[in-house]
Amino acid sequence: QVQLVESGGDLVQPGGSLRLSCAASGSSIRPYVMGWYRQAPGKQRELVAIITPGDRTNYGDSVTGRFTISRDNAKNMVALQMNNLKPEDTAVYYCNARFGISSKWGQGTQVTVSS
């Protein structure tokens, strides 16, 4: 089974950039739909971006044009490049691996956007 560990979360000023990484172990991510989700205090977890095994991508409306998801199957990693960050992007960001009915989550990494 795949295990996921996120990293890269930090405190950043509005308008800044941040790159999150998700390192997978235990299994190749090659057949998985990989995704990033986020959860802000008092809110439900929401989709940020997903990338399929064929590199098709889909983004949440609030991040389209600012965030980019990518995957490196050889390194067993998924990244999320976040640009032009806004205070409303503040949340815990989770990496997800989905294959059929199987879904695995990482422990999350905190992103705080504040001046």
C-alpha atoms as a PDB file:
ATOM      1  CA  GLN A   1       0.000   0.000   0.000  1.00  0.00           C
ATOM      2  CA  VAL A   2       1.167   3.497  -0.735  1.00  0.00           C
ATOM      3  CA  GLN A   3       2.161   5.854   2.071  1.00  0.00           C
ATOM      4  CA  LEU A   4       2.275   9.601   1.514  1.00  0.00           C
ATOM      5  CA  VAL A   5       4.284  12.334   3.225  1.00  0.00           C
ATOM      6  CA  GLU A   6       3.725  15.997   2.425  1.00  0.00           C
ATOM      7  CA  SER A   7       6.270  18.766   2.892  1.00  0.00           C
ATOM      8  CA  GLY A   8       6.819  22.388   1.947  1.00  0.00           C
ATOM      9  CA  GLY A   9       4.139  24.113   3.952  1.00  0.00           C
ATOM     10  CA  ASP A  10       5.118  27.483   5.393  1.00  0.00           C
ATOM     11  CA  LEU A  11       4.081  31.014   6.280  1.00  0.00           C
ATOM     12  CA  VAL A  12       4.105  33.214   3.169  1.00  0.00           C
ATOM     13  CA  GLN A  13       2.975  36.744   2.379  1.00  0.00           C
ATOM     14  CA  PRO A  14       0.055  37.445   0.034  1.00  0.00           C
ATOM     15  CA  GLY A  15       1.206  37.369  -3.569  1.00  0.00           C
ATOM     16  CA  GLY A  16       4.007  34.971  -2.746  1.00  0.00           C
ATOM     17  CA  SER A  17       4.715  31.477  -4.001  1.00  0.00           C
ATOM     18  CA  LEU A  18       5.174  28.086  -2.395  1.00  0.00           C
ATOM     19  CA  ARG A  19       5.868  24.586  -3.667  1.00  0.00           C
ATOM     20  CA  LEU A  20       4.449  21.573  -1.888  1.00  0.00           C
ATOM     21  CA  SER A  21       5.820  18.078  -2.342  1.00  0.00           C
ATOM     22  CA  CYS A  22       4.266  14.684  -1.700  1.00  0.00           C
ATOM     23  CA  ALA A  23       6.671  11.760  -1.417  1.00  0.00           C
ATOM     24  CA  ALA A  24       5.197   8.300  -1.857  1.00  0.00           C
ATOM     25  CA  SER A  25       6.571   5.001  -0.597  1.00  0.00           C
ATOM     26  CA  GLY A  26       5.465   1.406  -0.408  1.00  0.00           C
ATOM     27  CA  SER A  27       4.095   1.357  -3.946  1.00  0.00           C
ATOM     28  CA  SER A  28       4.572   3.114  -7.263  1.00  0.00           C
ATOM     29  CA  ILE A  29       2.197   6.020  -7.831  1.00  0.00           C
ATOM     30  CA  ARG A  30       2.095   5.229 -11.552  1.00  0.00           C
ATOM     31  CA  PRO A  31      -1.446   3.772 -11.612  1.00  0.00           C
ATOM     32  CA  TYR A  32      -2.886   6.234  -9.098  1.00  0.00           C
ATOM     33  CA  VAL A  33      -4.892   9.393  -9.582  1.00  0.00           C
ATOM     34  CA  MET A  34      -2.914  11.780  -7.401  1.00  0.00           C
ATOM     35  CA  GLY A  35      -4.425  14.854  -5.848  1.00  0.00           C
ATOM     36  CA  TRP A  36      -4.085  17.736  -3.467  1.00  0.00           C
ATOM     37  CA  TYR A  37      -6.914  18.744  -1.159  1.00  0.00           C
ATOM     38  CA  ARG A  38      -7.099  21.363   1.550  1.00  0.00           C
ATOM     39  CA  GLN A  39      -9.075  22.017   4.687  1.00  0.00           C
ATOM     40  CA  ALA A  40      -9.371  25.374   6.393  1.00  0.00           C
ATOM     41  CA  PRO A  41     -10.574  25.706  10.006  1.00  0.00           C
ATOM     42  CA  GLY A  42     -14.324  25.226  10.229  1.00  0.00           C
ATOM     43  CA  LYS A  43     -14.627  24.241   6.577  1.00  0.00           C
ATOM     44  CA  GLN A  44     -14.949  20.991   4.672  1.00  0.00           C
ATOM     45  CA  ARG A  45     -12.011  19.461   2.857  1.00  0.00           C
ATOM     46  CA  GLU A  46     -12.020  20.633  -0.757  1.00  0.00           C
ATOM     47  CA  LEU A  47     -10.359  19.678  -4.000  1.00  0.00           C
ATOM     48  CA  VAL A  48      -7.330  21.721  -5.018  1.00  0.00           C
ATOM     49  CA  ALA A  49      -6.022  19.726  -7.980  1.00  0.00           C
ATOM     50  CA  ILE A  50      -5.792  16.206  -9.347  1.00  0.00           C
ATOM     51  CA  ILE A  51      -3.597  14.569 -11.977  1.00  0.00           C
ATOM     52  CA  THR A  52      -4.383  11.265 -13.648  1.00  0.00           C
ATOM     53  CA  PRO A  53      -1.939   8.518 -14.665  1.00  0.00           C
ATOM     54  CA  GLY A  54      -2.138  10.008 -18.160  1.00  0.00           C
ATOM     55  CA  ASP A  55      -1.219  13.497 -16.852  1.00  0.00           C
ATOM     56  CA  ARG A  56      -4.666  14.993 -17.303  1.00  0.00           C
ATOM     57  CA  THR A  57      -5.284  17.669 -14.691  1.00  0.00           C
ATOM     58  CA  ASN A  58      -8.275  19.250 -13.010  1.00  0.00           C
ATOM     59  CA  TYR A  59      -8.331  22.199 -10.621  1.00  0.00           C
ATOM     60  CA  GLY A  60     -10.661  23.724  -8.108  1.00  0.00           C
ATOM     61  CA  ASP A  61     -12.250  26.955  -9.340  1.00  0.00           C
ATOM     62  CA  SER A  62     -10.523  29.089  -6.715  1.00  0.00           C
ATOM     63  CA  VAL A  63      -7.006  28.017  -7.718  1.00  0.00           C
ATOM     64  CA  THR A  64      -7.272  27.722 -11.506  1.00  0.00           C
ATOM     65  CA  GLY A  65      -4.575  29.792 -13.160  1.00  0.00           C
ATOM     66  CA  ARG A  66      -2.540  30.135  -9.964  1.00  0.00           C
ATOM     67  CA  PHE A  67      -1.687  26.550  -8.970  1.00  0.00           C
ATOM     68  CA  THR A  68      -0.058  23.790 -11.018  1.00  0.00           C
ATOM     69  CA  ILE A  69       0.037  20.105 -10.144  1.00  0.00           C
ATOM     70  CA  SER A  70       2.695  17.786 -11.538  1.00  0.00           C
ATOM     71  CA  ARG A  71       3.856  14.228 -11.027  1.00  0.00           C
ATOM     72  CA  ASP A  72       7.174  12.439 -11.388  1.00  0.00           C
ATOM     73  CA  ASN A  73       6.546   8.714 -11.498  1.00  0.00           C
ATOM     74  CA  ALA A  74      10.266   7.935 -11.575  1.00  0.00           C
ATOM     75  CA  LYS A  75      10.797   9.796  -8.289  1.00  0.00           C
ATOM     76  CA  ASN A  76       7.429   8.668  -6.926  1.00  0.00           C
ATOM     77  CA  MET A  77       6.482  12.237  -6.120  1.00  0.00           C
ATOM     78  CA  VAL A  78       3.752  14.764  -6.761  1.00  0.00           C
ATOM     79  CA  ALA A  79       4.197  18.521  -6.485  1.00  0.00           C
ATOM     80  CA  LEU A  80       1.904  21.521  -6.213  1.00  0.00           C
ATOM     81  CA  GLN A  81       3.287  24.867  -7.352  1.00  0.00           C
ATOM     82  CA  MET A  82       1.274  27.679  -5.807  1.00  0.00           C
ATOM     83  CA  ASN A  83       1.639  31.228  -7.116  1.00  0.00           C
ATOM     84  CA  ASN A  84      -0.056  34.509  -6.245  1.00  0.00           C
ATOM     85  CA  LEU A  85      -1.134  33.128  -2.901  1.00  0.00           C
ATOM     86  CA  LYS A  86      -4.064  34.729  -1.114  1.00  0.00           C
ATOM     87  CA  PRO A  87      -5.078  34.720   2.568  1.00  0.00           C
ATOM     88  CA  GLU A  88      -8.008  32.472   1.659  1.00  0.00           C
ATOM     89  CA  ASP A  89      -5.515  29.800   0.554  1.00  0.00           C
ATOM     90  CA  THR A  90      -4.607  29.308   4.209  1.00  0.00           C
ATOM     91  CA  ALA A  91      -5.325  25.674   5.095  1.00  0.00           C
ATOM     92  CA  VAL A  92      -3.845  22.281   5.786  1.00  0.00           C
ATOM     93  CA  TYR A  93      -2.974  20.727   2.440  1.00  0.00           C
ATOM     94  CA  TYR A  94      -3.302  16.973   2.024  1.00  0.00           C
ATOM     95  CA  CYS A  95      -1.910  14.656  -0.619  1.00  0.00           C
ATOM     96  CA  ASN A  96      -4.200  11.880  -1.860  1.00  0.00           C
ATOM     97  CA  ALA A  97      -3.655   8.728  -3.917  1.00  0.00           C
ATOM     98  CA  ARG A  98      -6.717   7.076  -5.424  1.00  0.00           C
ATOM     99  CA  PHE A  99      -6.986   3.747  -7.288  1.00  0.00           C
ATOM    100  CA  GLY A 100     -10.413   2.262  -7.733  1.00  0.00           C
ATOM    101  CA  ILE A 101     -12.131   2.351  -4.360  1.00  0.00           C
ATOM    102  CA  SER A 102      -8.801   2.658  -2.521  1.00  0.00           C
ATOM    103  CA  SER A 103      -7.900   6.123  -1.253  1.00  0.00           C
ATOM    104  CA  LYS A 104      -4.852   7.024   0.830  1.00  0.00           C
ATOM    105  CA  TRP A 105      -4.076  10.312   2.562  1.00  0.00           C
ATOM    106  CA  GLY A 106      -0.966  11.934   3.924  1.00  0.00           C
ATOM    107  CA  GLN A 107      -0.807  13.686   7.281  1.00  0.00           C
ATOM    108  CA  GLY A 108      -1.031  17.169   5.789  1.00  0.00           C
ATOM    109  CA  THR A 109       1.157  20.270   5.704  1.00  0.00           C
ATOM    110  CA  GLN A 110       0.141  23.725   6.923  1.00  0.00           C
ATOM    111  CA  VAL A 111       0.101  26.668   4.522  1.00  0.00           C
ATOM    112  CA  THR A 112      -0.504  30.095   6.024  1.00  0.00           C
ATOM    113  CA  VAL A 113      -0.820  33.189   3.857  1.00  0.00           C
ATOM    114  CA  SER A 114      -0.587  36.338   5.920  1.00  0.00           C
ATOM    115  CA  SER A 115       1.210  39.659   6.040  1.00  0.00           C
END
